[in-house]
Amino acid sequence: MTSFEEIENSRAKAGITRKALYQTAGVNKETWRRIAQGSNLPNTRTLQKLKAALDALLAQRERSNG
């Protein structure tokens, strides 16, 4: 399972905004903020949604740069 930190590092490295990622994943902004601040631990479903959204955004970017 990919950790939140791994997802966040990959997102930043790829130049994808936090907003694009949490919106694509369907994760609430406050949920994202609490996880990023360490106030909440992400559940498995949230991590899966974030990873799938990151993969989709990366694939979209790759197709655009074709």
Protein backbone atom coordinates (compact mmCIF):
# COMPACT_ATOMS: atom_id res chain seq x y z
CA MET A 1 0.00 0.00 0.00
CA THR A 2 1.27 3.44 -0.92
CA SER A 3 1.56 5.87 1.97
CA PHE A 4 0.21 9.40 2.00
CA GLU A 5 3.78 10.70 2.10
CA GLU A 6 4.67 8.74 -1.05
CA ILE A 7 1.60 10.07 -2.84
CA GLU A 8 2.37 13.63 -1.71
CA ASN A 9 6.02 13.36 -2.79
CA SER A 10 5.04 11.99 -6.21
CA ARG A 11 2.42 14.71 -6.61
CA ALA A 12 4.88 17.48 -5.79
CA LYS A 13 7.60 16.00 -7.99
CA ALA A 14 5.18 15.84 -10.93
CA GLY A 15 4.03 19.43 -10.39
CA ILE A 16 0.42 18.44 -9.76
CA THR A 17 -1.46 20.74 -7.40
CA ARG A 18 -2.96 19.47 -4.17
CA LYS A 19 -6.33 20.78 -5.28
CA ALA A 20 -6.20 18.87 -8.58
CA LEU A 21 -5.36 15.68 -6.73
CA TYR A 22 -7.96 15.85 -3.97
CA GLN A 23 -10.67 17.00 -6.37
CA THR A 24 -9.89 14.25 -8.88
CA ALA A 25 -9.88 11.72 -6.05
CA GLY A 26 -13.17 13.02 -4.65
CA VAL A 27 -11.55 13.69 -1.28
CA ASN A 28 -12.84 16.58 0.79
CA LYS A 29 -10.46 19.54 1.15
CA GLU A 30 -10.66 19.36 4.95
CA THR A 31 -9.90 15.66 4.92
CA TRP A 32 -6.82 16.36 2.81
CA ARG A 33 -5.75 19.18 5.13
CA ARG A 34 -6.12 17.06 8.28
CA ILE A 35 -4.13 14.19 6.76
CA ALA A 36 -1.41 16.55 5.49
CA GLN A 37 -1.12 18.18 8.93
CA GLY A 38 -0.98 14.83 10.66
CA SER A 39 -4.22 15.42 12.57
CA ASN A 40 -5.85 12.38 10.97
CA LEU A 41 -4.50 9.16 9.55
CA PRO A 42 -5.87 8.31 6.11
CA ASN A 43 -7.94 5.18 5.79
CA THR A 44 -7.21 2.60 3.13
CA ARG A 45 -10.05 3.76 0.87
CA THR A 46 -8.80 7.37 0.91
CA LEU A 47 -5.28 6.25 0.03
CA GLN A 48 -6.63 4.11 -2.82
CA LYS A 49 -8.63 7.05 -4.17
CA LEU A 50 -5.64 9.39 -3.97
CA LYS A 51 -3.32 6.88 -5.65
CA ALA A 52 -5.81 6.21 -8.45
CA ALA A 53 -6.29 9.95 -8.99
CA LEU A 54 -2.53 10.54 -9.05
CA ASP A 55 -2.08 7.74 -11.59
CA ALA A 56 -4.87 9.19 -13.76
CA LEU A 57 -3.42 12.70 -13.63
CA LEU A 58 0.05 11.42 -14.48
CA ALA A 59 -1.33 9.41 -17.41
CA GLN A 60 -3.29 12.43 -18.62
CA ARG A 61 -0.17 14.57 -18.45
CA GLU A 62 1.83 11.94 -20.35
CA ARG A 63 -0.78 11.78 -23.11
CA SER A 64 -0.81 15.57 -23.37
CA ASN A 65 2.96 15.67 -23.73
CA GLY A 66 2.69 12.75 -26.14
